[in-house]
Amino acid sequence: GTKGNVLDAIRCNQLEAEVIYACGPLPMLRAIKNYAAEKNMIC
């Protein structure tokens, strides 16, 4: 897949959604929370 993290994969594949469901290590969740706030997504 994409070299990097899950957000790199989302950006690299130009993915879009309305809601995020996530589970994983704290740094990943922190980055996803910030991404959701930036995109105004339910998370």
Full PDB file with SEQRES, HELIX, SHEET, SSBOND, CRYST1, ORIGX, SCALE, CONECT and MASTER records, all heavy atoms in Angstrom:
SEQRES   1 A   43  GLY THR LYS GLY ASN VAL LEU ASP ALA ILE ARG CYS ASN          
SEQRES   2 A   43  GLN LEU GLU ALA GLU VAL ILE TYR ALA CYS GLY PRO LEU          
SEQRES   3 A   43  PRO MET LEU ARG ALA ILE LYS ASN TYR ALA ALA GLU LYS          
SEQRES   4 A   43  ASN MET ILE CYS                                              
HELIX    1 AA1 VAL A    6  CYS A   12  1                                   7    
HELIX    2 AA2 LEU A   26  LYS A   39  1                                  14    
CRYST1    1.000    1.000    1.000  90.00  90.00  90.00 P 1           1          
ORIGX1      1.000000  0.000000  0.000000        0.00000                         
ORIGX2      0.000000  1.000000  0.000000        0.00000                         
ORIGX3      0.000000  0.000000  1.000000        0.00000                         
SCALE1      1.000000  0.000000  0.000000        0.00000                         
SCALE2      0.000000  1.000000  0.000000        0.00000                         
SCALE3      0.000000  0.000000  1.000000        0.00000                         
ATOM      1  N   GLY A   1       0.810  -1.213   0.000  1.00  0.00           N  
ATOM      2  CA  GLY A   1       0.000   0.000   0.000  1.00  0.00           C  
ATOM      3  C   GLY A   1       0.847   1.269   0.000  1.00  0.00           C  
ATOM      4  O   GLY A   1       1.942   1.322  -0.565  1.00  0.00           O  
ATOM      5  N   THR A   2       0.346   2.273   0.696  1.00  0.00           N  
ATOM      6  CA  THR A   2       1.018   3.572   0.774  1.00  0.00           C  
ATOM      7  C   THR A   2       2.127   3.542   1.823  1.00  0.00           C  
ATOM      8  O   THR A   2       1.937   3.005   2.911  1.00  0.00           O  
ATOM      9  CB  THR A   2      -0.001   4.664   1.147  1.00  0.00           C  
ATOM     10  OG1 THR A   2      -1.037   4.698   0.157  1.00  0.00           O  
ATOM     11  CG2 THR A   2       0.669   6.027   1.235  1.00  0.00           C  
ATOM     12  N   LYS A   3       3.251   4.104   1.521  1.00  0.00           N  
ATOM     13  CA  LYS A   3       4.314   4.228   2.515  1.00  0.00           C  
ATOM     14  C   LYS A   3       3.955   5.370   3.457  1.00  0.00           C  
ATOM     15  O   LYS A   3       3.746   6.514   3.025  1.00  0.00           O  
ATOM     16  CB  LYS A   3       5.658   4.511   1.851  1.00  0.00           C  
ATOM     17  CG  LYS A   3       6.806   4.595   2.850  1.00  0.00           C  
ATOM     18  CD  LYS A   3       8.154   4.788   2.158  1.00  0.00           C  
ATOM     19  CE  LYS A   3       9.282   4.835   3.180  1.00  0.00           C  
ATOM     20  NZ  LYS A   3      10.607   4.988   2.546  1.00  0.00           N  
ATOM     21  N   GLY A   4       3.840   5.059   4.736  1.00  0.00           N  
ATOM     22  CA  GLY A   4       3.479   6.078   5.714  1.00  0.00           C  
ATOM     23  C   GLY A   4       2.372   5.587   6.618  1.00  0.00           C  
ATOM     24  O   GLY A   4       2.319   4.406   6.964  1.00  0.00           O  
ATOM     25  N   ASN A   5       1.487   6.502   7.006  1.00  0.00           N  
ATOM     26  CA  ASN A   5       0.424   6.142   7.945  1.00  0.00           C  
ATOM     27  C   ASN A   5      -0.945   6.154   7.253  1.00  0.00           C  
ATOM     28  O   ASN A   5      -1.042   6.398   6.043  1.00  0.00           O  
ATOM     29  CB  ASN A   5       0.443   7.088   9.150  1.00  0.00           C  
ATOM     30  CG  ASN A   5       0.288   8.556   8.749  1.00  0.00           C  
ATOM     31  OD1 ASN A   5      -0.494   8.902   7.867  1.00  0.00           O  
ATOM     32  ND2 ASN A   5       1.044   9.432   9.402  1.00  0.00           N  
ATOM     33  N   VAL A   6      -1.990   5.925   8.034  1.00  0.00           N  
ATOM     34  CA  VAL A   6      -3.335   5.799   7.462  1.00  0.00           C  
ATOM     35  C   VAL A   6      -3.805   7.104   6.811  1.00  0.00           C  
ATOM     36  O   VAL A   6      -4.503   7.072   5.790  1.00  0.00           O  
ATOM     37  CB  VAL A   6      -4.345   5.325   8.522  1.00  0.00           C  
ATOM     38  CG1 VAL A   6      -4.076   3.869   8.906  1.00  0.00           C  
ATOM     39  CG2 VAL A   6      -4.325   6.237   9.760  1.00  0.00           C  
ATOM     40  N   LEU A   7      -3.432   8.244   7.372  1.00  0.00           N  
ATOM     41  CA  LEU A   7      -3.825   9.515   6.759  1.00  0.00           C  
ATOM     42  C   LEU A   7      -3.080   9.742   5.442  1.00  0.00           C  
ATOM     43  O   LEU A   7      -3.630  10.331   4.507  1.00  0.00           O  
ATOM     44  CB  LEU A   7      -3.583  10.667   7.725  1.00  0.00           C  
ATOM     45  CG  LEU A   7      -4.511  10.713   8.945  1.00  0.00           C  
ATOM     46  CD1 LEU A   7      -4.157  11.901   9.839  1.00  0.00           C  
ATOM     47  CD2 LEU A   7      -5.975  10.788   8.519  1.00  0.00           C  
ATOM     48  N   ASP A   8      -1.852   9.256   5.373  1.00  0.00           N  
ATOM     49  CA  ASP A   8      -1.131   9.320   4.095  1.00  0.00           C  
ATOM     50  C   ASP A   8      -1.874   8.516   3.032  1.00  0.00           C  
ATOM     51  O   ASP A   8      -1.965   8.932   1.874  1.00  0.00           O  
ATOM     52  CB  ASP A   8       0.295   8.778   4.258  1.00  0.00           C  
ATOM     53  CG  ASP A   8       1.166   9.659   5.129  1.00  0.00           C  
ATOM     54  OD1 ASP A   8       0.995  10.895   5.073  1.00  0.00           O  
ATOM     55  OD2 ASP A   8       2.006   9.115   5.878  1.00  0.00           O  
ATOM     56  N   ALA A   9      -2.409   7.356   3.430  1.00  0.00           N  
ATOM     57  CA  ALA A   9      -3.157   6.509   2.491  1.00  0.00           C  
ATOM     58  C   ALA A   9      -4.429   7.205   2.025  1.00  0.00           C  
ATOM     59  O   ALA A   9      -4.808   7.122   0.851  1.00  0.00           O  
ATOM     60  CB  ALA A   9      -3.485   5.169   3.145  1.00  0.00           C  
ATOM     61  N   ILE A  10      -5.104   7.886   2.951  1.00  0.00           N  
ATOM     62  CA  ILE A  10      -6.325   8.617   2.585  1.00  0.00           C  
ATOM     63  C   ILE A  10      -6.011   9.722   1.592  1.00  0.00           C  
ATOM     64  O   ILE A  10      -6.681   9.881   0.562  1.00  0.00           O  
ATOM     65  CB  ILE A  10      -6.992   9.193   3.843  1.00  0.00           C  
ATOM     66  CG1 ILE A  10      -7.610   8.050   4.673  1.00  0.00           C  
ATOM     67  CG2 ILE A  10      -8.065  10.215   3.484  1.00  0.00           C  
ATOM     68  CD1 ILE A  10      -8.145   8.482   6.019  1.00  0.00           C  
ATOM     69  N   ARG A  11      -4.971  10.477   1.869  1.00  0.00           N  
ATOM     70  CA  ARG A  11      -4.617  11.599   1.001  1.00  0.00           C  
ATOM     71  C   ARG A  11      -4.074  11.116  -0.347  1.00  0.00           C  
ATOM     72  O   ARG A  11      -4.398  11.676  -1.396  1.00  0.00           O  
ATOM     73  CB  ARG A  11      -3.594  12.493   1.701  1.00  0.00           C  
ATOM     74  CG  ARG A  11      -4.139  13.167   2.962  1.00  0.00           C  
ATOM     75  CD  ARG A  11      -3.122  14.110   3.571  1.00  0.00           C  
ATOM     76  NE  ARG A  11      -3.638  14.801   4.742  1.00  0.00           N  
ATOM     77  CZ  ARG A  11      -3.248  14.572   5.998  1.00  0.00           C  
ATOM     78  NH1 ARG A  11      -2.304  13.661   6.247  1.00  0.00           N  
ATOM     79  NH2 ARG A  11      -3.766  15.242   7.006  1.00  0.00           N  
ATOM     80  N   CYS A  12      -3.246  10.074  -0.309  1.00  0.00           N  
ATOM     81  CA  CYS A  12      -2.641   9.559  -1.527  1.00  0.00           C  
ATOM     82  C   CYS A  12      -3.699   9.030  -2.491  1.00  0.00           C  
ATOM     83  O   CYS A  12      -3.593   9.189  -3.712  1.00  0.00           O  
ATOM     84  CB  CYS A  12      -1.646   8.455  -1.179  1.00  0.00           C  
ATOM     85  SG  CYS A  12      -0.796   7.738  -2.608  1.00  0.00           S  
ATOM     86  N   ASN A  13      -4.737   8.400  -1.927  1.00  0.00           N  
ATOM     87  CA  ASN A  13      -5.804   7.831  -2.753  1.00  0.00           C  
ATOM     88  C   ASN A  13      -6.987   8.776  -2.935  1.00  0.00           C  
ATOM     89  O   ASN A  13      -8.004   8.394  -3.512  1.00  0.00           O  
ATOM     90  CB  ASN A  13      -6.282   6.513  -2.139  1.00  0.00           C  
ATOM     91  CG  ASN A  13      -5.247   5.416  -2.219  1.00  0.00           C  
ATOM     92  OD1 ASN A  13      -5.060   4.807  -3.268  1.00  0.00           O  
ATOM     93  ND2 ASN A  13      -4.552   5.169  -1.112  1.00  0.00           N  
ATOM     94  N   GLN A  14      -6.861  10.000  -2.420  1.00  0.00           N  
ATOM     95  CA  GLN A  14      -7.888  11.043  -2.557  1.00  0.00           C  
ATOM     96  C   GLN A  14      -9.269  10.535  -2.116  1.00  0.00           C  
ATOM     97  O   GLN A  14     -10.267  10.705  -2.811  1.00  0.00           O  
ATOM     98  CB  GLN A  14      -7.935  11.552  -4.003  1.00  0.00           C  
ATOM     99  CG  GLN A  14      -6.622  12.174  -4.460  1.00  0.00           C  
ATOM    100  CD  GLN A  14      -6.673  12.706  -5.878  1.00  0.00           C  
ATOM    101  OE1 GLN A  14      -7.304  12.117  -6.751  1.00  0.00           O  
ATOM    102  NE2 GLN A  14      -6.022  13.842  -6.109  1.00  0.00           N  
ATOM    103  N   LEU A  15      -9.294   9.929  -0.947  1.00  0.00           N  
ATOM    104  CA  LEU A  15     -10.527   9.359  -0.432  1.00  0.00           C  
ATOM    105  C   LEU A  15     -11.358  10.412   0.287  1.00  0.00           C  
ATOM    106  O   LEU A  15     -10.818  11.351   0.889  1.00  0.00           O  
ATOM    107  CB  LEU A  15     -10.207   8.208   0.537  1.00  0.00           C  
ATOM    108  CG  LEU A  15      -9.314   7.085  -0.016  1.00  0.00           C  
ATOM    109  CD1 LEU A  15      -9.076   6.028   1.049  1.00  0.00           C  
ATOM    110  CD2 LEU A  15      -9.914   6.481  -1.271  1.00  0.00           C  
ATOM    111  N   GLU A  16     -12.673  10.227   0.257  1.00  0.00           N  
ATOM    112  CA  GLU A  16     -13.588  11.139   0.930  1.00  0.00           C  
ATOM    113  C   GLU A  16     -14.666  10.340   1.651  1.00  0.00           C  
ATOM    114  O   GLU A  16     -15.056   9.263   1.204  1.00  0.00           O  
ATOM    115  CB  GLU A  16     -14.238  12.104  -0.066  1.00  0.00           C  
ATOM    116  CG  GLU A  16     -13.268  13.054  -0.738  1.00  0.00           C  
ATOM    117  CD  GLU A  16     -13.962  14.017  -1.688  1.00  0.00           C  
ATOM    118  OE1 GLU A  16     -15.175  13.810  -1.951  1.00  0.00           O  
ATOM    119  OE2 GLU A  16     -13.307  14.959  -2.157  1.00  0.00           O  
ATOM    120  N   ALA A  17     -15.144  10.890   2.765  1.00  0.00           N  
ATOM    121  CA  ALA A  17     -16.211  10.242   3.520  1.00  0.00           C  
ATOM    122  C   ALA A  17     -16.911  11.287   4.381  1.00  0.00           C  
ATOM    123  O   ALA A  17     -16.491  12.452   4.443  1.00  0.00           O  
ATOM    124  CB  ALA A  17     -15.657   9.120   4.392  1.00  0.00           C  
ATOM    125  N   GLU A  18     -17.989  10.848   5.052  1.00  0.00           N  
ATOM    126  CA  GLU A  18     -18.754  11.736   5.929  1.00  0.00           C  
ATOM    127  C   GLU A  18     -18.499  11.460   7.401  1.00  0.00           C  
ATOM    128  O   GLU A  18     -18.678  12.336   8.243  1.00  0.00           O  
ATOM    129  CB  GLU A  18     -20.247  11.573   5.644  1.00  0.00           C  
ATOM    130  CG  GLU A  18     -20.665  11.916   4.238  1.00  0.00           C  
ATOM    131  CD  GLU A  18     -22.097  11.513   3.969  1.00  0.00           C  
ATOM    132  OE1 GLU A  18     -22.334  10.331   3.637  1.00  0.00           O  
ATOM    133  OE2 GLU A  18     -22.994  12.383   4.097  1.00  0.00           O  
ATOM    134  N   VAL A  19     -18.112  10.234   7.713  1.00  0.00           N  
ATOM    135  CA  VAL A  19     -17.898   9.859   9.109  1.00  0.00           C  
ATOM    136  C   VAL A  19     -16.667   8.972   9.206  1.00  0.00           C  
ATOM    137  O   VAL A  19     -16.352   8.211   8.279  1.00  0.00           O  
ATOM    138  CB  VAL A  19     -19.142   9.126   9.679  1.00  0.00           C  
ATOM    139  CG1 VAL A  19     -19.442   7.861   8.889  1.00  0.00           C  
ATOM    140  CG2 VAL A  19     -18.964   8.782  11.165  1.00  0.00           C  
ATOM    141  N   ILE A  20     -15.959   9.108  10.323  1.00  0.00           N  
ATOM    142  CA  ILE A  20     -14.773   8.292  10.585  1.00  0.00           C  
ATOM    143  C   ILE A  20     -15.025   7.415  11.802  1.00  0.00           C  
ATOM    144  O   ILE A  20     -15.542   7.874  12.829  1.00  0.00           O  
ATOM    145  CB  ILE A  20     -13.535   9.166  10.870  1.00  0.00           C  
ATOM    146  CG1 ILE A  20     -13.153   9.983   9.632  1.00  0.00           C  
ATOM    147  CG2 ILE A  20     -12.344   8.307  11.310  1.00  0.00           C  
ATOM    148  CD1 ILE A  20     -12.011  10.964   9.877  1.00  0.00           C  
ATOM    149  N   TYR A  21     -14.660   6.145  11.675  1.00  0.00           N  
ATOM    150  CA  TYR A  21     -14.594   5.227  12.811  1.00  0.00           C  
ATOM    151  C   TYR A  21     -13.147   4.754  12.901  1.00  0.00           C  
ATOM    152  O   TYR A  21     -12.586   4.288  11.904  1.00  0.00           O  
ATOM    153  CB  TYR A  21     -15.483   4.001  12.602  1.00  0.00           C  
ATOM    154  CG  TYR A  21     -16.952   4.287  12.395  1.00  0.00           C  
ATOM    155  CD1 TYR A  21     -17.494   4.365  11.119  1.00  0.00           C  
ATOM    156  CD2 TYR A  21     -17.809   4.431  13.479  1.00  0.00           C  
ATOM    157  CE1 TYR A  21     -18.843   4.599  10.923  1.00  0.00           C  
ATOM    158  CE2 TYR A  21     -19.164   4.665  13.300  1.00  0.00           C  
ATOM    159  CZ  TYR A  21     -19.679   4.750  12.017  1.00  0.00           C  
ATOM    160  OH  TYR A  21     -21.023   4.973  11.834  1.00  0.00           O  
ATOM    161  N   ALA A  22     -12.532   4.867  14.085  1.00  0.00           N  
ATOM    162  CA  ALA A  22     -11.106   4.544  14.168  1.00  0.00           C  
ATOM    163  C   ALA A  22     -10.750   3.864  15.480  1.00  0.00           C  
ATOM    164  O   ALA A  22     -11.344   4.132  16.522  1.00  0.00           O  
ATOM    165  CB  ALA A  22     -10.271   5.810  14.006  1.00  0.00           C  
ATOM    166  N   CYS A  23      -9.766   2.979  15.401  1.00  0.00           N  
ATOM    167  CA  CYS A  23      -9.208   2.339  16.595  1.00  0.00           C  
ATOM    168  C   CYS A  23      -7.736   2.081  16.331  1.00  0.00           C  
ATOM    169  O   CYS A  23      -7.355   1.608  15.254  1.00  0.00           O  
ATOM    170  CB  CYS A  23      -9.931   1.017  16.887  1.00  0.00           C  
ATOM    171  SG  CYS A  23      -9.368   0.200  18.401  1.00  0.00           S  
ATOM    172  N   GLY A  24      -6.914   2.412  17.329  1.00  0.00           N  
ATOM    173  CA  GLY A  24      -5.487   2.210  17.156  1.00  0.00           C  
ATOM    174  C   GLY A  24      -4.697   2.946  18.222  1.00  0.00           C  
ATOM    175  O   GLY A  24      -5.255   3.435  19.213  1.00  0.00           O  
ATOM    176  N   PRO A  25      -3.399   3.075  18.028  1.00  0.00           N  
ATOM    177  CA  PRO A  25      -2.547   3.735  19.021  1.00  0.00           C  
ATOM    178  C   PRO A  25      -2.886   5.219  19.145  1.00  0.00           C  
ATOM    179  O   PRO A  25      -3.404   5.840  18.219  1.00  0.00           O  
ATOM    180  CB  PRO A  25      -1.133   3.515  18.484  1.00  0.00           C  
ATOM    181  CG  PRO A  25      -1.316   3.246  17.026  1.00  0.00           C  
ATOM    182  CD  PRO A  25      -2.626   2.542  16.887  1.00  0.00           C  
ATOM    183  N   LEU A  26      -2.562   5.784  20.300  1.00  0.00           N  
ATOM    184  CA  LEU A  26      -2.930   7.164  20.607  1.00  0.00           C  
ATOM    185  C   LEU A  26      -2.424   8.190  19.595  1.00  0.00           C  
ATOM    186  O   LEU A  26      -3.191   9.080  19.200  1.00  0.00           O  
ATOM    187  CB  LEU A  26      -2.454   7.523  22.024  1.00  0.00           C  
ATOM    188  CG  LEU A  26      -3.008   8.813  22.621  1.00  0.00           C  
ATOM    189  CD1 LEU A  26      -4.530   8.764  22.699  1.00  0.00           C  
ATOM    190  CD2 LEU A  26      -2.409   9.053  24.007  1.00  0.00           C  
ATOM    191  N   PRO A  27      -1.172   8.121  19.140  1.00  0.00           N  
ATOM    192  CA  PRO A  27      -0.733   9.118  18.151  1.00  0.00           C  
ATOM    193  C   PRO A  27      -1.582   9.083  16.880  1.00  0.00           C  
ATOM    194  O   PRO A  27      -1.854  10.134  16.287  1.00  0.00           O  
ATOM    195  CB  PRO A  27       0.721   8.716  17.881  1.00  0.00           C  
ATOM    196  CG  PRO A  27       1.152   8.005  19.121  1.00  0.00           C  
ATOM    197  CD  PRO A  27      -0.062   7.252  19.580  1.00  0.00           C  
ATOM    198  N   MET A  28      -1.988   7.888  16.459  1.00  0.00           N  
ATOM    199  CA  MET A  28      -2.845   7.769  15.281  1.00  0.00           C  
ATOM    200  C   MET A  28      -4.200   8.410  15.532  1.00  0.00           C  
ATOM    201  O   MET A  28      -4.709   9.168  14.700  1.00  0.00           O  
ATOM    202  CB  MET A  28      -3.027   6.291  14.902  1.00  0.00           C  
ATOM    203  CG  MET A  28      -3.797   6.081  13.614  1.00  0.00           C  
ATOM    204  SD  MET A  28      -4.341   4.364  13.358  1.00  0.00           S  
ATOM    205  CE  MET A  28      -5.955   4.418  14.185  1.00  0.00           C  
ATOM    206  N   LEU A  29      -4.798   8.141  16.694  1.00  0.00           N  
ATOM    207  CA  LEU A  29      -6.106   8.701  17.014  1.00  0.00           C  
ATOM    208  C   LEU A  29      -6.040  10.220  17.127  1.00  0.00           C  
ATOM    209  O   LEU A  29      -6.971  10.923  16.714  1.00  0.00           O  
ATOM    210  CB  LEU A  29      -6.631   8.097  18.319  1.00  0.00           C  
ATOM    211  CG  LEU A  29      -6.922   6.590  18.310  1.00  0.00           C  
ATOM    212  CD1 LEU A  29      -7.457   6.154  19.662  1.00  0.00           C  
ATOM    213  CD2 LEU A  29      -7.894   6.214  17.203  1.00  0.00           C  
ATOM    214  N   ARG A  30      -4.957  10.725  17.683  1.00  0.00           N  
ATOM    215  CA  ARG A  30      -4.795  12.182  17.811  1.00  0.00           C  
ATOM    216  C   ARG A  30      -4.746  12.831  16.428  1.00  0.00           C  
ATOM    217  O   ARG A  30      -5.397  13.856  16.178  1.00  0.00           O  
ATOM    218  CB  ARG A  30      -3.524  12.489  18.592  1.00  0.00           C  
ATOM    219  CG  ARG A  30      -3.323  13.973  18.881  1.00  0.00           C  
ATOM    220  CD  ARG A  30      -2.046  14.219  19.654  1.00  0.00           C  
ATOM    221  NE  ARG A  30      -2.079  13.592  20.966  1.00  0.00           N  
ATOM    222  CZ  ARG A  30      -1.246  12.622  21.356  1.00  0.00           C  
ATOM    223  NH1 ARG A  30      -0.326  12.159  20.519  1.00  0.00           N  
ATOM    224  NH2 ARG A  30      -1.334  12.113  22.557  1.00  0.00           N  
ATOM    225  N   ALA A  31      -4.011  12.216  15.514  1.00  0.00           N  
ATOM    226  CA  ALA A  31      -3.908  12.758  14.160  1.00  0.00           C  
ATOM    227  C   ALA A  31      -5.251  12.672  13.432  1.00  0.00           C  
ATOM    228  O   ALA A  31      -5.633  13.595  12.704  1.00  0.00           O  
ATOM    229  CB  ALA A  31      -2.831  11.998  13.379  1.00  0.00           C  
ATOM    230  N   ILE A  32      -5.983  11.590  13.656  1.00  0.00           N  
ATOM    231  CA  ILE A  32      -7.291  11.424  13.018  1.00  0.00           C  
ATOM    232  C   ILE A  32      -8.291  12.437  13.575  1.00  0.00           C  
ATOM    233  O   ILE A  32      -9.101  13.007  12.830  1.00  0.00           O  
ATOM    234  CB  ILE A  32      -7.797   9.982  13.210  1.00  0.00           C  
ATOM    235  CG1 ILE A  32      -6.962   9.027  12.349  1.00  0.00           C  
ATOM    236  CG2 ILE A  32      -9.282   9.859  12.851  1.00  0.00           C  
ATOM    237  CD1 ILE A  32      -7.224   7.567  12.621  1.00  0.00           C  
ATOM    238  N   LYS A  33      -8.242  12.673  14.874  1.00  0.00           N  
ATOM    239  CA  LYS A  33      -9.127  13.678  15.473  1.00  0.00           C  
ATOM    240  C   LYS A  33      -8.878  15.045  14.838  1.00  0.00           C  
ATOM    241  O   LYS A  33      -9.832  15.765  14.489  1.00  0.00           O  
ATOM    242  CB  LYS A  33      -8.902  13.743  16.987  1.00  0.00           C  
ATOM    243  CG  LYS A  33      -9.723  14.833  17.667  1.00  0.00           C  
ATOM    244  CD  LYS A  33      -9.436  14.932  19.159  1.00  0.00           C  
ATOM    245  CE  LYS A  33     -10.210  16.094  19.775  1.00  0.00           C  
ATOM    246  NZ  LYS A  33      -9.966  16.218  21.229  1.00  0.00           N  
ATOM    247  N   ASN A  34      -7.624  15.411  14.681  1.00  0.00           N  
ATOM    248  CA  ASN A  34      -7.287  16.704  14.073  1.00  0.00           C  
ATOM    249  C   ASN A  34      -7.730  16.758  12.611  1.00  0.00           C  
ATOM    250  O   ASN A  34      -8.236  17.784  12.141  1.00  0.00           O  
ATOM    251  CB  ASN A  34      -5.782  16.959  14.184  1.00  0.00           C  
ATOM    252  CG  ASN A  34      -5.328  17.171  15.619  1.00  0.00           C  
ATOM    253  OD1 ASN A  34      -6.119  17.556  16.474  1.00  0.00           O  
ATOM    254  ND2 ASN A  34      -4.061  16.920  15.881  1.00  0.00           N  
ATOM    255  N   TYR A  35      -7.558  15.649  11.896  1.00  0.00           N  
ATOM    256  CA  TYR A  35      -7.975  15.577  10.498  1.00  0.00           C  
ATOM    257  C   TYR A  35      -9.486  15.748  10.389  1.00  0.00           C  
ATOM    258  O   TYR A  35      -9.982  16.489   9.526  1.00  0.00           O  
ATOM    259  CB  TYR A  35      -7.545  14.239   9.914  1.00  0.00           C  
ATOM    260  CG  TYR A  35      -8.055  13.965   8.513  1.00  0.00           C  
ATOM    261  CD1 TYR A  35      -7.368  14.442   7.400  1.00  0.00           C  
ATOM    262  CD2 TYR A  35      -9.208  13.220   8.311  1.00  0.00           C  
ATOM    263  CE1 TYR A  35      -7.831  14.196   6.108  1.00  0.00           C  
ATOM    264  CE2 TYR A  35      -9.681  12.972   7.030  1.00  0.00           C  
ATOM    265  CZ  TYR A  35      -8.987  13.447   5.931  1.00  0.00           C  
ATOM    266  OH  TYR A  35      -9.463  13.200   4.665  1.00  0.00           O  
ATOM    267  N   ALA A  36     -10.240  15.069  11.269  1.00  0.00           N  
ATOM    268  CA  ALA A  36     -11.708  15.157  11.251  1.00  0.00           C  
ATOM    269  C   ALA A  36     -12.176  16.584  11.531  1.00  0.00           C  
ATOM    270  O   ALA A  36     -13.113  17.081  10.903  1.00  0.00           O  
ATOM    271  CB  ALA A  36     -12.300  14.193  12.269  1.00  0.00           C  
ATOM    272  N   ALA A  37     -11.515  17.248  12.478  1.00  0.00           N  
ATOM    273  CA  ALA A  37     -11.880  18.633  12.796  1.00  0.00           C  
ATOM    274  C   ALA A  37     -11.603  19.550  11.610  1.00  0.00           C  
ATOM    275  O   ALA A  37     -12.403  20.435  11.282  1.00  0.00           O  
ATOM    276  CB  ALA A  37     -11.106  19.102  14.026  1.00  0.00           C  
ATOM    277  N   GLU A  38     -10.480  19.313  10.958  1.00  0.00           N  
ATOM    278  CA  GLU A  38     -10.102  20.118   9.786  1.00  0.00           C  
ATOM    279  C   GLU A  38     -11.117  19.948   8.650  1.00  0.00           C  
ATOM    280  O   GLU A  38     -11.459  20.909   7.949  1.00  0.00           O  
ATOM    281  CB  GLU A  38      -8.712  19.690   9.317  1.00  0.00           C  
ATOM    282  CG  GLU A  38      -8.241  20.334   8.034  1.00  0.00           C  
ATOM    283  CD  GLU A  38      -6.975  19.678   7.515  1.00  0.00           C  
ATOM    284  OE1 GLU A  38      -6.179  19.180   8.338  1.00  0.00           O  
ATOM    285  OE2 GLU A  38      -6.780  19.657   6.289  1.00  0.00           O  
ATOM    286  N   LYS A  39     -11.620  18.712   8.488  1.00  0.00           N  
ATOM    287  CA  LYS A  39     -12.549  18.402   7.402  1.00  0.00           C  
ATOM    288  C   LYS A  39     -14.015  18.527   7.831  1.00  0.00           C  
ATOM    289  O   LYS A  39     -14.916  18.268   7.028  1.00  0.00           O  
ATOM    290  CB  LYS A  39     -12.304  16.969   6.901  1.00  0.00           C  
ATOM    291  CG  LYS A  39     -10.906  16.727   6.340  1.00  0.00           C  
ATOM    292  CD  LYS A  39     -10.689  17.490   5.058  1.00  0.00           C  
ATOM    293  CE  LYS A  39      -9.330  17.142   4.452  1.00  0.00           C  
ATOM    294  NZ  LYS A  39      -9.097  17.875   3.179  1.00  0.00           N  
ATOM    295  N   ASN A  40     -14.243  18.897   9.107  1.00  0.00           N  
ATOM    296  CA  ASN A  40     -15.601  19.022   9.634  1.00  0.00           C  
ATOM    297  C   ASN A  40     -16.370  17.708   9.508  1.00  0.00           C  
ATOM    298  O   ASN A  40     -17.521  17.668   9.059  1.00  0.00           O  
ATOM    299  CB  ASN A  40     -16.362  20.150   8.935  1.00  0.00           C  
ATOM    300  CG  ASN A  40     -17.599  20.569   9.703  1.00  0.00           C  
ATOM    301  OD1 ASN A  40     -17.664  20.456  10.930  1.00  0.00           O  
ATOM    302  ND2 ASN A  40     -18.614  21.045   8.998  1.00  0.00           N  
ATOM    303  N   MET A  41     -15.723  16.612   9.919  1.00  0.00           N  
ATOM    304  CA  MET A  41     -16.313  15.276   9.816  1.00  0.00           C  
ATOM    305  C   MET A  41     -16.714  14.749  11.190  1.00  0.00           C  
ATOM    306  O   MET A  41     -16.056  15.051  12.197  1.00  0.00           O  
ATOM    307  CB  MET A  41     -15.312  14.297   9.184  1.00  0.00           C  
ATOM    308  CG  MET A  41     -14.932  14.620   7.762  1.00  0.00           C  
ATOM    309  SD  MET A  41     -13.635  13.506   7.154  1.00  0.00           S  
ATOM    310  CE  MET A  41     -14.537  11.947   7.120  1.00  0.00           C  
ATOM    311  N   ILE A  42     -17.757  13.954  11.237  1.00  0.00           N  
ATOM    312  CA  ILE A  42     -18.097  13.206  12.448  1.00  0.00           C  
ATOM    313  C   ILE A  42     -17.007  12.162  12.652  1.00  0.00           C  
ATOM    314  O   ILE A  42     -16.590  11.492  11.700  1.00  0.00           O  
ATOM    315  CB  ILE A  42     -19.460  12.510  12.302  1.00  0.00           C  
ATOM    316  CG1 ILE A  42     -20.562  13.516  11.987  1.00  0.00           C  
ATOM    317  CG2 ILE A  42     -19.805  11.728  13.570  1.00  0.00           C  
ATOM    318  CD1 ILE A  42     -21.861  12.869  11.547  1.00  0.00           C  
ATOM    319  N   CYS A  43     -16.537  12.009  13.883  1.00  0.00           N  
ATOM    320  CA  CYS A  43     -15.430  11.085  14.135  1.00  0.00           C  
ATOM    321  C   CYS A  43     -15.629  10.343  15.452  1.00  0.00           C  
ATOM    322  O   CYS A  43     -15.780  10.968  16.506  1.00  0.00           O  
ATOM    323  CB  CYS A  43     -14.108  11.854  14.158  1.00  0.00           C  
ATOM    324  SG  CYS A  43     -12.652  10.823  14.438  1.00  0.00           S  
TER     325      CYS A  43                                                      
MASTER        0    0    0    2    0    0    0    6  324    1    0    4          
END                                                                             
